[in-house]
PDB file of all heavy atoms in Angstrom:
ATOM      1  N   ASP A   1      82.745 163.490  52.103  1.00  0.00           N
ATOM      2  CA  ASP A   1      81.759 164.217  52.923  1.00  0.00           C
ATOM      3  C   ASP A   1      80.346 163.984  52.518  1.00  0.00           C
ATOM      4  O   ASP A   1      79.443 163.768  53.288  1.00  0.00           O
ATOM      5  CB  ASP A   1      82.038 165.712  52.839  1.00  0.00           C
ATOM      6  CG  ASP A   1      83.376 166.093  53.538  1.00  0.00           C
ATOM      7  OD1 ASP A   1      83.821 165.292  54.377  1.00  0.00           O
ATOM      8  OD2 ASP A   1      83.886 167.185  53.261  1.00  0.00           O
ATOM      9  N   TYR A   2      80.139 163.904  51.185  1.00  0.00           N
ATOM     10  CA  TYR A   2      78.794 163.593  50.662  1.00  0.00           C
ATOM     11  C   TYR A   2      78.335 162.188  51.004  1.00  0.00           C
ATOM     12  O   TYR A   2      77.151 161.982  51.400  1.00  0.00           O
ATOM     13  CB  TYR A   2      78.824 163.777  49.141  1.00  0.00           C
ATOM     14  CG  TYR A   2      77.620 163.308  48.384  1.00  0.00           C
ATOM     15  CD1 TYR A   2      76.461 164.111  48.352  1.00  0.00           C
ATOM     16  CD2 TYR A   2      77.509 162.043  47.811  1.00  0.00           C
ATOM     17  CE1 TYR A   2      75.324 163.692  47.657  1.00  0.00           C
ATOM     18  CE2 TYR A   2      76.390 161.617  47.130  1.00  0.00           C
ATOM     19  CZ  TYR A   2      75.355 162.488  47.087  1.00  0.00           C
ATOM     20  OH  TYR A   2      74.172 162.044  46.430  1.00  0.00           O
ATOM     21  N   LEU A   3      79.301 161.241  50.905  1.00  0.00           N
ATOM     22  CA  LEU A   3      78.852 159.818  51.188  1.00  0.00           C
ATOM     23  C   LEU A   3      78.756 159.492  52.662  1.00  0.00           C
ATOM     24  O   LEU A   3      78.191 158.462  53.069  1.00  0.00           O
ATOM     25  CB  LEU A   3      79.918 158.883  50.530  1.00  0.00           C
ATOM     26  CG  LEU A   3      79.896 158.882  48.990  1.00  0.00           C
ATOM     27  CD1 LEU A   3      81.125 158.124  48.495  1.00  0.00           C
ATOM     28  CD2 LEU A   3      78.592 158.158  48.495  1.00  0.00           C
ATOM     29  N   ARG A   4      79.336 160.428  53.515  1.00  0.00           N
ATOM     30  CA  ARG A   4      79.308 160.084  54.934  1.00  0.00           C
ATOM     31  C   ARG A   4      77.911 159.805  55.518  1.00  0.00           C
ATOM     32  O   ARG A   4      77.755 158.925  56.363  1.00  0.00           O
ATOM     33  CB  ARG A   4      79.896 161.252  55.724  1.00  0.00           C
ATOM     34  CG  ARG A   4      80.826 160.887  56.819  1.00  0.00           C
ATOM     35  CD  ARG A   4      81.628 162.148  57.410  1.00  0.00           C
ATOM     36  NE  ARG A   4      82.766 162.494  56.538  1.00  0.00           N
ATOM     37  CZ  ARG A   4      83.916 161.787  56.541  1.00  0.00           C
ATOM     38  NH1 ARG A   4      84.096 160.746  57.351  1.00  0.00           N
ATOM     39  NH2 ARG A   4      84.886 162.222  55.745  1.00  0.00           N
ATOM     40  N   SER A   5      76.910 160.498  54.909  1.00  0.00           N
ATOM     41  CA  SER A   5      75.530 160.314  55.425  1.00  0.00           C
ATOM     42  C   SER A   5      74.763 159.255  54.663  1.00  0.00           C
ATOM     43  O   SER A   5      73.640 159.082  54.887  1.00  0.00           O
ATOM     44  CB  SER A   5      74.781 161.680  55.374  1.00  0.00           C
ATOM     45  OG  SER A   5      74.750 162.108  54.016  1.00  0.00           O
ATOM     46  N   LYS A   6      75.482 158.662  53.723  1.00  0.00           N
ATOM     47  CA  LYS A   6      74.785 157.645  52.818  1.00  0.00           C
ATOM     48  C   LYS A   6      74.965 156.269  53.306  1.00  0.00           C
ATOM     49  O   LYS A   6      75.633 156.034  54.341  1.00  0.00           O
ATOM     50  CB  LYS A   6      75.330 157.754  51.465  1.00  0.00           C
ATOM     51  CG  LYS A   6      75.181 159.153  50.840  1.00  0.00           C
ATOM     52  CD  LYS A   6      73.780 159.414  50.344  1.00  0.00           C
ATOM     53  CE  LYS A   6      73.703 160.775  49.569  1.00  0.00           C
ATOM     54  NZ  LYS A   6      72.721 161.715  50.135  1.00  0.00           N
ATOM     55  N   GLU A   7      74.367 155.298  52.621  1.00  0.00           N
ATOM     56  CA  GLU A   7      74.447 153.877  53.037  1.00  0.00           C
ATOM     57  C   GLU A   7      75.743 153.309  52.541  1.00  0.00           C
ATOM     58  O   GLU A   7      76.435 153.700  51.605  1.00  0.00           O
ATOM     59  CB  GLU A   7      73.340 153.088  52.309  1.00  0.00           C
ATOM     60  CG  GLU A   7      71.909 153.557  52.693  1.00  0.00           C
ATOM     61  CD  GLU A   7      71.569 153.274  54.185  1.00  0.00           C
ATOM     62  OE1 GLU A   7      71.818 152.121  54.617  1.00  0.00           O
ATOM     63  OE2 GLU A   7      71.176 154.154  54.831  1.00  0.00           O
ATOM     64  N   ARG A   8      76.125 152.229  53.279  1.00  0.00           N
ATOM     65  CA  ARG A   8      77.292 151.425  52.812  1.00  0.00           C
ATOM     66  C   ARG A   8      77.036 150.913  51.380  1.00  0.00           C
ATOM     67  O   ARG A   8      75.965 150.481  51.045  1.00  0.00           O
ATOM     68  CB  ARG A   8      77.390 150.144  53.742  1.00  0.00           C
ATOM     69  CG  ARG A   8      78.755 149.863  54.172  1.00  0.00           C
ATOM     70  CD  ARG A   8      78.734 148.884  55.273  1.00  0.00           C
ATOM     71  NE  ARG A   8      78.316 147.520  54.743  1.00  0.00           N
ATOM     72  CZ  ARG A   8      78.766 146.392  55.266  1.00  0.00           C
ATOM     73  NH1 ARG A   8      79.579 146.407  56.285  1.00  0.00           N
ATOM     74  NH2 ARG A   8      78.359 145.236  54.803  1.00  0.00           N
ATOM     75  N   GLY A   9      78.094 151.028  50.558  1.00  0.00           N
ATOM     76  CA  GLY A   9      78.000 150.606  49.149  1.00  0.00           C
ATOM     77  C   GLY A   9      77.517 151.733  48.222  1.00  0.00           C
ATOM     78  O   GLY A   9      77.580 151.578  46.994  1.00  0.00           O
ATOM     79  N   ASP A  10      77.152 152.860  48.795  1.00  0.00           N
ATOM     80  CA  ASP A  10      76.824 154.014  47.919  1.00  0.00           C
ATOM     81  C   ASP A  10      78.135 154.600  47.386  1.00  0.00           C
ATOM     82  O   ASP A  10      79.161 154.456  47.922  1.00  0.00           O
ATOM     83  CB  ASP A  10      76.056 155.043  48.708  1.00  0.00           C
ATOM     84  CG  ASP A  10      74.603 154.782  48.792  1.00  0.00           C
ATOM     85  OD1 ASP A  10      74.180 153.705  48.276  1.00  0.00           O
ATOM     86  OD2 ASP A  10      73.795 155.507  49.417  1.00  0.00           O
ATOM     87  N   PHE A  11      77.991 155.307  46.295  1.00  0.00           N
ATOM     88  CA  PHE A  11      79.172 155.760  45.529  1.00  0.00           C
ATOM     89  C   PHE A  11      78.896 156.975  44.712  1.00  0.00           C
ATOM     90  O   PHE A  11      77.779 157.284  44.386  1.00  0.00           O
ATOM     91  CB  PHE A  11      79.720 154.622  44.570  1.00  0.00           C
ATOM     92  CG  PHE A  11      78.773 154.237  43.492  1.00  0.00           C
ATOM     93  CD1 PHE A  11      78.893 154.942  42.254  1.00  0.00           C
ATOM     94  CD2 PHE A  11      77.743 153.377  43.737  1.00  0.00           C
ATOM     95  CE1 PHE A  11      77.990 154.569  41.248  1.00  0.00           C
ATOM     96  CE2 PHE A  11      76.874 153.049  42.675  1.00  0.00           C
ATOM     97  CZ  PHE A  11      76.985 153.663  41.429  1.00  0.00           C
ATOM     98  N   VAL A  12      79.989 157.638  44.311  1.00  0.00           N
ATOM     99  CA  VAL A  12      79.856 158.722  43.337  1.00  0.00           C
ATOM    100  C   VAL A  12      81.025 158.542  42.318  1.00  0.00           C
ATOM    101  O   VAL A  12      81.980 157.963  42.564  1.00  0.00           O
ATOM    102  CB  VAL A  12      80.023 160.128  43.939  1.00  0.00           C
ATOM    103  CG1 VAL A  12      78.883 160.445  44.910  1.00  0.00           C
ATOM    104  CG2 VAL A  12      81.330 160.302  44.635  1.00  0.00           C
ATOM    105  N   ILE A  13      80.749 159.059  41.172  1.00  0.00           N
ATOM    106  CA  ILE A  13      81.765 159.132  40.066  1.00  0.00           C
ATOM    107  C   ILE A  13      82.240 160.610  39.973  1.00  0.00           C
ATOM    108  O   ILE A  13      81.371 161.436  40.058  1.00  0.00           O
ATOM    109  CB  ILE A  13      81.180 158.633  38.776  1.00  0.00           C
ATOM    110  CG1 ILE A  13      80.710 157.200  38.820  1.00  0.00           C
ATOM    111  CG2 ILE A  13      82.238 158.834  37.605  1.00  0.00           C
ATOM    112  CD1 ILE A  13      79.877 156.716  37.740  1.00  0.00           C
ATOM    113  N   ARG A  14      83.474 160.816  39.906  1.00  0.00           N
ATOM    114  CA  ARG A  14      83.989 162.188  39.941  1.00  0.00           C
ATOM    115  C   ARG A  14      85.187 162.365  39.084  1.00  0.00           C
ATOM    116  O   ARG A  14      85.801 161.403  38.587  1.00  0.00           O
ATOM    117  CB  ARG A  14      84.280 162.561  41.427  1.00  0.00           C
ATOM    118  CG  ARG A  14      85.352 161.666  42.054  1.00  0.00           C
ATOM    119  CD  ARG A  14      85.670 162.077  43.458  1.00  0.00           C
ATOM    120  NE  ARG A  14      86.637 161.125  43.997  1.00  0.00           N
ATOM    121  CZ  ARG A  14      87.976 161.252  43.844  1.00  0.00           C
ATOM    122  NH1 ARG A  14      88.455 162.315  43.119  1.00  0.00           N
ATOM    123  NH2 ARG A  14      88.794 160.420  44.374  1.00  0.00           N
ATOM    124  N   GLN A  15      85.526 163.653  38.917  1.00  0.00           N
ATOM    125  CA  GLN A  15      86.805 163.935  38.206  1.00  0.00           C
ATOM    126  C   GLN A  15      87.963 163.457  38.969  1.00  0.00           C
ATOM    127  O   GLN A  15      87.924 163.318  40.207  1.00  0.00           O
ATOM    128  CB  GLN A  15      86.927 165.481  38.073  1.00  0.00           C
ATOM    129  CG  GLN A  15      86.962 165.960  36.639  1.00  0.00           C
ATOM    130  CD  GLN A  15      86.809 167.456  36.484  1.00  0.00           C
ATOM    131  OE1 GLN A  15      85.778 167.945  36.709  1.00  0.00           O
ATOM    132  NE2 GLN A  15      87.909 168.081  36.165  1.00  0.00           N
ATOM    133  N   SER A  16      88.997 163.056  38.300  1.00  0.00           N
ATOM    134  CA  SER A  16      90.230 162.592  38.961  1.00  0.00           C
ATOM    135  C   SER A  16      91.309 163.634  39.066  1.00  0.00           C
ATOM    136  O   SER A  16      91.407 164.433  38.101  1.00  0.00           O
ATOM    137  CB  SER A  16      90.740 161.354  38.201  1.00  0.00           C
ATOM    138  OG  SER A  16      91.941 160.996  38.680  1.00  0.00           O
ATOM    139  N   SER A  17      92.100 163.605  40.103  1.00  0.00           N
ATOM    140  CA  SER A  17      93.208 164.513  40.243  1.00  0.00           C
ATOM    141  C   SER A  17      94.378 164.139  39.269  1.00  0.00           C
ATOM    142  O   SER A  17      95.308 164.822  39.098  1.00  0.00           O
ATOM    143  CB  SER A  17      93.749 164.485  41.644  1.00  0.00           C
ATOM    144  OG  SER A  17      94.001 163.261  42.036  1.00  0.00           O
ATOM    145  N   ARG A  18      94.275 162.943  38.629  1.00  0.00           N
ATOM    146  CA  ARG A  18      95.270 162.410  37.791  1.00  0.00           C
ATOM    147  C   ARG A  18      95.191 163.090  36.375  1.00  0.00           C
ATOM    148  O   ARG A  18      96.036 162.838  35.549  1.00  0.00           O
ATOM    149  CB  ARG A  18      95.205 160.963  37.567  1.00  0.00           C
ATOM    150  CG  ARG A  18      95.441 160.221  38.935  1.00  0.00           C
ATOM    151  CD  ARG A  18      95.529 158.767  38.679  1.00  0.00           C
ATOM    152  NE  ARG A  18      95.635 158.046  39.991  1.00  0.00           N
ATOM    153  CZ  ARG A  18      96.120 156.806  40.046  1.00  0.00           C
ATOM    154  NH1 ARG A  18      96.515 156.120  38.953  1.00  0.00           N
ATOM    155  NH2 ARG A  18      96.094 156.160  41.203  1.00  0.00           N
ATOM    156  N   GLY A  19      94.114 163.834  36.103  1.00  0.00           N
ATOM    157  CA  GLY A  19      94.102 164.507  34.830  1.00  0.00           C
ATOM    158  C   GLY A  19      92.840 164.205  34.018  1.00  0.00           C
ATOM    159  O   GLY A  19      91.922 163.543  34.496  1.00  0.00           O
ATOM    160  N   ASP A  20      92.795 164.640  32.802  1.00  0.00           N
ATOM    161  CA  ASP A  20      91.579 164.571  31.976  1.00  0.00           C
ATOM    162  C   ASP A  20      91.351 163.207  31.389  1.00  0.00           C
ATOM    163  O   ASP A  20      90.381 163.035  30.674  1.00  0.00           O
ATOM    164  CB  ASP A  20      91.667 165.692  30.856  1.00  0.00           C
ATOM    165  CG  ASP A  20      91.544 167.110  31.438  1.00  0.00           C
ATOM    166  OD1 ASP A  20      90.725 167.191  32.476  1.00  0.00           O
ATOM    167  OD2 ASP A  20      92.226 167.967  31.001  1.00  0.00           O
ATOM    168  N   ASP A  21      92.344 162.321  31.423  1.00  0.00           N
ATOM    169  CA  ASP A  21      91.991 161.025  30.939  1.00  0.00           C
ATOM    170  C   ASP A  21      91.801 159.990  32.075  1.00  0.00           C
ATOM    171  O   ASP A  21      92.035 158.781  31.919  1.00  0.00           O
ATOM    172  CB  ASP A  21      93.127 160.542  29.897  1.00  0.00           C
ATOM    173  CG  ASP A  21      94.509 160.512  30.569  1.00  0.00           C
ATOM    174  OD1 ASP A  21      94.601 161.063  31.721  1.00  0.00           O
ATOM    175  OD2 ASP A  21      95.409 160.012  29.936  1.00  0.00           O
ATOM    176  N   HIS A  22      91.382 160.497  33.160  1.00  0.00           N
ATOM    177  CA  HIS A  22      90.997 159.646  34.317  1.00  0.00           C
ATOM    178  C   HIS A  22      89.759 160.165  34.904  1.00  0.00           C
ATOM    179  O   HIS A  22      89.426 161.394  34.933  1.00  0.00           O
ATOM    180  CB  HIS A  22      92.105 159.724  35.405  1.00  0.00           C
ATOM    181  CG  HIS A  22      93.345 159.042  34.991  1.00  0.00           C
ATOM    182  ND1 HIS A  22      93.660 157.739  35.389  1.00  0.00           N
ATOM    183  CD2 HIS A  22      94.390 159.413  34.297  1.00  0.00           C
ATOM    184  CE1 HIS A  22      94.845 157.374  34.922  1.00  0.00           C
ATOM    185  NE2 HIS A  22      95.305 158.359  34.250  1.00  0.00           N
ATOM    186  N   LEU A  23      88.949 159.187  35.406  1.00  0.00           N
ATOM    187  CA  LEU A  23      87.897 159.511  36.301  1.00  0.00           C
ATOM    188  C   LEU A  23      88.107 158.690  37.620  1.00  0.00           C
ATOM    189  O   LEU A  23      89.087 157.856  37.674  1.00  0.00           O
ATOM    190  CB  LEU A  23      86.506 159.139  35.770  1.00  0.00           C
ATOM    191  CG  LEU A  23      86.032 159.878  34.560  1.00  0.00           C
ATOM    192  CD1 LEU A  23      84.884 159.200  33.890  1.00  0.00           C
ATOM    193  CD2 LEU A  23      85.645 161.333  34.948  1.00  0.00           C
ATOM    194  N   ALA A  24      87.308 158.938  38.607  1.00  0.00           N
ATOM    195  CA  ALA A  24      87.486 158.168  39.894  1.00  0.00           C
ATOM    196  C   ALA A  24      86.105 157.826  40.402  1.00  0.00           C
ATOM    197  O   ALA A  24      85.131 158.475  40.169  1.00  0.00           O
ATOM    198  CB  ALA A  24      88.266 158.977  40.891  1.00  0.00           C
TER     199      ALA A  24
END
């Protein structure tokens, strides 16, 4: 939702649903 209004190639780093030893 956040990236929908952004440019192609934009990104975020976020917590992962896989647990505390993963990011996404």
